[in-house]
């Protein structure tokens, strides 16, 4: 089998010398700069979590340090939710993640986790994608937060060109 038989007459465009790939090369990475975001009960954008991609094949990923803090009454419960959407807020399939929390006694409970999702995109035109989130309280009052500011938290949203 030759490169020409694969429909790649000029080979695969990319780097093999350890230098970061150029724009348009396989391996190119585009990363958003996420900011701490306190979520509300209405779905909204996670601060800074927006990236614009050029045509091509991409793997797009979010890894969010998420927190759900319950209210202080026994049985308070709810969740922090994260999703990936396009610029029109249309959900990207299979990218919804939840962090559930419930307090068994009359005390605040803090639940923390990394929420992670990826999707593969084949774009014929440029497009913008973003991460959105909200908090839902099934009983009582709680809060949801996406964290990036402390050295122990790391939230990222990025895309890597794969074709």
Foldseek 3Di string as FASTA:
>chain_A
DDCVVVVNPPDAFFDDPPDQTDPPHFFHKDWWDFAKDWAAQDKDFGHRFKDKDFAAKKKKKKKWWKKKKFAQAAFKKWWKKKFKAWPVRHTDPPGIDIFIDGHRHRGIDMTIDIRMDIDMDHGPGMTMMGMIIHIDIPDHDMIMMTDPPDPVTHIIIMMGGHD
